[in-house]
Structure formats: structure tokens, C-alpha cells
Protein backbone atom coordinates (compact mmCIF):
# COMPACT_ATOMS: atom_id res chain seq x y z
CA MET A 1 -31.17 -67.82 -64.27
CA ASN A 2 -34.08 -67.49 -66.58
CA LEU A 3 -35.14 -64.64 -68.81
CA LEU A 4 -37.91 -63.49 -66.46
CA GLU A 5 -35.48 -63.12 -63.54
CA LEU A 6 -33.08 -61.18 -65.73
CA ALA A 7 -35.84 -58.87 -66.99
CA ILE A 8 -37.12 -58.19 -63.47
CA VAL A 9 -33.64 -57.43 -62.15
CA VAL A 10 -32.71 -55.17 -65.07
CA VAL A 11 -35.97 -53.18 -65.05
CA ALA A 12 -36.05 -52.78 -61.27
CA SER A 13 -32.37 -51.77 -61.12
CA TYR A 14 -32.81 -49.31 -63.98
CA LEU A 15 -35.78 -47.67 -62.25
CA VAL A 16 -33.88 -47.37 -58.96
CA GLY A 17 -30.81 -46.00 -60.75
CA ALA A 18 -32.97 -43.53 -62.65
CA ILE A 19 -34.14 -41.71 -59.52
CA PRO A 20 -32.68 -38.22 -60.20
CA MET A 21 -31.31 -37.32 -56.78
CA GLY A 22 -29.41 -34.25 -58.02
CA TYR A 23 -32.48 -32.99 -59.85
CA ILE A 24 -34.63 -33.54 -56.76
CA ALA A 25 -32.08 -31.74 -54.58
CA GLY A 26 -32.05 -28.77 -56.97
CA ARG A 27 -35.84 -28.54 -57.00
CA VAL A 28 -36.18 -28.90 -53.22
CA MET A 29 -33.25 -26.71 -52.11
CA LYS A 30 -33.47 -23.80 -54.57
CA GLY A 31 -36.32 -24.55 -56.94
CA VAL A 32 -33.99 -24.83 -59.95
CA ASP A 33 -33.37 -27.43 -62.62
CA ILE A 34 -29.78 -28.48 -61.87
CA ARG A 35 -29.28 -29.37 -65.55
CA ASP A 36 -29.49 -25.69 -66.52
CA TYR A 37 -26.35 -24.84 -64.52
CA GLY A 38 -22.75 -26.02 -64.29
CA SER A 39 -22.01 -29.09 -66.37
CA GLY A 40 -25.67 -29.73 -67.16
CA LYS A 41 -25.58 -33.13 -65.42
CA ILE A 42 -27.58 -34.24 -62.38
CA GLY A 43 -24.71 -35.82 -60.48
CA ALA A 44 -23.16 -34.91 -57.15
CA THR A 45 -20.30 -32.90 -58.64
CA ASN A 46 -22.67 -30.53 -60.39
CA VAL A 47 -24.73 -30.29 -57.21
CA LEU A 48 -21.56 -29.21 -55.40
CA ARG A 49 -20.92 -26.51 -58.00
CA VAL A 50 -24.48 -25.19 -58.01
CA LEU A 51 -26.01 -25.90 -54.60
CA GLY A 52 -23.06 -26.23 -52.24
CA TYR A 53 -21.47 -28.69 -49.87
CA ARG A 54 -24.43 -29.99 -47.82
CA PRO A 55 -26.65 -31.03 -50.73
CA PHE A 56 -23.54 -32.48 -52.39
CA ILE A 57 -23.01 -34.91 -49.49
CA GLY A 58 -26.61 -36.10 -49.63
CA VAL A 59 -26.61 -36.55 -53.40
CA MET A 60 -23.20 -38.25 -53.31
CA VAL A 61 -24.41 -40.82 -50.77
CA ALA A 62 -27.73 -41.30 -52.58
CA ASP A 63 -26.00 -41.78 -55.96
CA ALA A 64 -23.68 -44.37 -54.45
CA LEU A 65 -26.62 -46.19 -52.84
CA LYS A 66 -28.50 -46.23 -56.16
CA GLY A 67 -25.82 -48.55 -57.47
CA TYR A 68 -25.20 -50.47 -54.25
CA ILE A 69 -28.72 -51.36 -53.16
CA PRO A 70 -30.00 -53.04 -56.37
CA VAL A 71 -26.87 -55.21 -56.59
CA LEU A 72 -27.07 -56.15 -52.93
CA VAL A 73 -30.79 -56.96 -53.13
CA THR A 74 -30.14 -59.05 -56.25
CA TRP A 75 -27.49 -61.01 -54.36
CA TYR A 76 -29.80 -61.72 -51.41
CA VAL A 77 -32.83 -62.62 -53.52
CA PHE A 78 -31.14 -64.81 -56.14
CA ASN A 79 -28.20 -66.30 -54.20
CA SER A 80 -30.03 -69.53 -53.25
CA GLY A 81 -29.32 -71.26 -56.57
CA ASP A 82 -26.24 -71.33 -58.75
CA ILE A 83 -23.66 -68.78 -57.58
CA GLN A 84 -22.60 -68.02 -61.15
CA ASP A 85 -26.17 -67.12 -62.10
CA ALA A 86 -26.46 -64.87 -59.04
CA HIS A 87 -23.20 -63.19 -60.00
CA ALA A 88 -24.38 -62.65 -63.58
CA LEU A 89 -27.60 -61.11 -62.27
CA GLN A 90 -25.55 -58.83 -60.00
CA VAL A 91 -23.51 -57.59 -62.94
CA ALA A 92 -26.68 -56.99 -64.98
CA SER A 93 -28.20 -55.16 -62.01
CA GLY A 94 -25.18 -52.87 -61.65
CA ILE A 95 -25.06 -52.06 -65.35
CA ALA A 96 -28.80 -51.31 -65.38
CA ALA A 97 -28.48 -49.02 -62.34
CA VAL A 98 -25.67 -47.05 -64.00
CA LEU A 99 -27.66 -46.78 -67.23
CA GLY A 100 -30.62 -45.58 -65.18
CA HIS A 101 -28.47 -42.87 -63.62
CA ASP A 102 -27.02 -41.83 -66.98
CA TYR A 103 -30.33 -41.92 -68.87
CA PRO A 104 -33.19 -41.47 -66.35
CA VAL A 105 -36.63 -42.06 -67.80
CA TYR A 106 -38.18 -39.75 -65.21
CA ILE A 107 -36.58 -36.55 -66.54
CA GLY A 108 -36.21 -37.09 -70.26
CA PHE A 109 -33.09 -39.28 -70.39
CA ARG A 110 -30.67 -36.46 -69.38
CA GLY A 111 -28.79 -37.71 -66.35
CA GLY A 112 -25.39 -37.90 -64.76
CA ARG A 113 -22.15 -39.55 -65.74
CA GLY A 114 -22.58 -42.63 -63.57
CA TRP A 115 -19.24 -42.43 -61.80
CA ARG A 116 -20.40 -42.79 -58.19
CA THR A 117 -23.33 -45.00 -59.11
CA GLY A 118 -21.00 -47.33 -61.01
CA ARG A 119 -18.24 -47.72 -58.44
CA ARG A 120 -20.36 -49.63 -55.93
CA PRO A 121 -21.66 -52.32 -58.31
CA ALA A 122 -18.14 -52.82 -59.66
CA ALA A 123 -16.78 -53.33 -56.15
CA ILE A 124 -19.57 -55.72 -55.22
CA ALA A 125 -19.22 -57.66 -58.46
CA SER A 126 -15.49 -58.13 -57.92
CA ALA A 127 -16.17 -59.25 -54.34
CA GLY A 128 -18.70 -61.73 -55.71
CA ARG A 129 -16.12 -63.03 -58.17
CA ASN A 130 -13.62 -63.51 -55.34
CA ALA A 131 -16.27 -65.36 -53.30
CA LEU A 132 -16.90 -67.59 -56.29
CA GLU A 133 -13.18 -68.39 -56.50
CA ARG A 134 -13.01 -69.14 -52.76
CA GLU A 135 -16.02 -71.45 -53.00
CA ARG A 136 -14.50 -73.30 -55.94
CA CYS A 137 -11.25 -73.70 -53.97
CA ALA A 138 -12.89 -74.74 -50.69
CA GLY A 139 -12.82 -78.44 -51.56
CA ALA A 140 -9.07 -78.48 -52.16
CA ARG A 141 -7.11 -80.43 -49.55
CA CYS A 142 -3.52 -79.59 -50.36
CA GLY A 143 -1.67 -76.46 -49.29
CA ALA A 144 -0.71 -75.40 -52.83
CA CYS A 145 -4.35 -75.21 -53.92
CA ARG A 146 -5.67 -73.12 -51.03
CA PRO A 147 -6.55 -69.49 -51.78
CA ALA A 148 -3.69 -67.88 -49.85
CA PRO A 149 -3.49 -64.41 -51.48
CA ALA A 150 -6.96 -63.19 -52.49
CA SER A 151 -8.17 -65.65 -55.15
CA ARG A 152 -4.95 -67.22 -56.44
CA CYS A 153 -6.09 -70.83 -56.27
CA VAL A 154 -5.83 -73.45 -58.97
CA PRO A 155 -8.27 -76.19 -57.99
CA ARG A 156 -7.48 -78.23 -61.10
CA ALA A 157 -3.98 -78.87 -59.71
CA CYS A 158 -5.48 -81.12 -57.03
CA ALA A 159 -6.52 -84.62 -57.99
CA GLY A 160 -8.25 -86.81 -55.45
CA GLY A 161 -6.92 -84.91 -52.43
CA ARG A 162 -3.32 -85.06 -53.64
CA CYS A 163 -1.63 -82.04 -55.11
CA ALA A 164 -0.66 -82.59 -58.72
CA ALA A 165 1.74 -79.62 -58.50
CA ALA A 166 3.87 -81.23 -55.76
């Protein structure tokens, strides 16, 4: 991972996360600024309070995708090299998307709370960490070192194909 890759991922993820879906829904559905009502945030919960159930579903899905898509694209684009670098870029992408949702440049840095936008990157990042553990354990030959439950493997216990724990 170099600094240019990191900068591209962070800026692109921030700009995607900063798309104000609740604000757009308020303007399109009723012609109002959603930040002037309810909690003053642009997230799905405030959309539910102000606009109702149908716009809430759309904004909820869109807010979740704002966190999910940048992390997933980062994984597919940068996964060819070192898996740890790709994972670090995923984490940076998720954090940037949440910051974009919380402080969107498009509407004066007054955004949502980042709850739904942040759950997806966290889930993907933990899945990436588990994949990293499985890959590190894949070369182990003994039964004690295999990743039986989730990522509970200790590859250092194996030495030359023999289990040092046995």
C-alpha cells in the first residue's frame, strides 16, 4: 500500500459516504430540508419521523450501501497484492465513508450519525480479518492448528508439519 492508493481510497470513500440520501429524499418527496425537522440529522431514523415509512426504507438501504460499496470495491481493486494492505485499505475506506456520512461536504458538513453506514464496513472488515486468519492457517498440516471454530488457529504451534502442541 502506498500513500497514493490510500489517498484515492479515502477521498473516493468519503465522497460516496457524503451523498446525503436523507436530504435528497426530503427535497424530492416533500420539498423540505430534513435537517430542519426531528433530530436535525439526515439519517434514516429522522426520515422515518419526518417523511414516513416508504422513504425510510429507501434511505436506510442507501445509507447501508454507502458504507458497504466503497469497502467492497476497495477489496476487489486492491486485493491482488498483500492481503494485510488490502485489509488496511478496507478499514480506511469504511472510516472515510462513515465520516462522509457524518460530515457531508455537499451540504455544509451537517450529516447523520453514521450508525447504518458504519455497520457494513465493520462487518466486512471483521470478515476480512477472519479471511486473513484462515489464509495464515491454511499451510498448517496438523489437526490442532486448523481453524476449527471461526479463526482460532495458532499457526506458530506447527513446526515443519509436526504439531508442537502435541
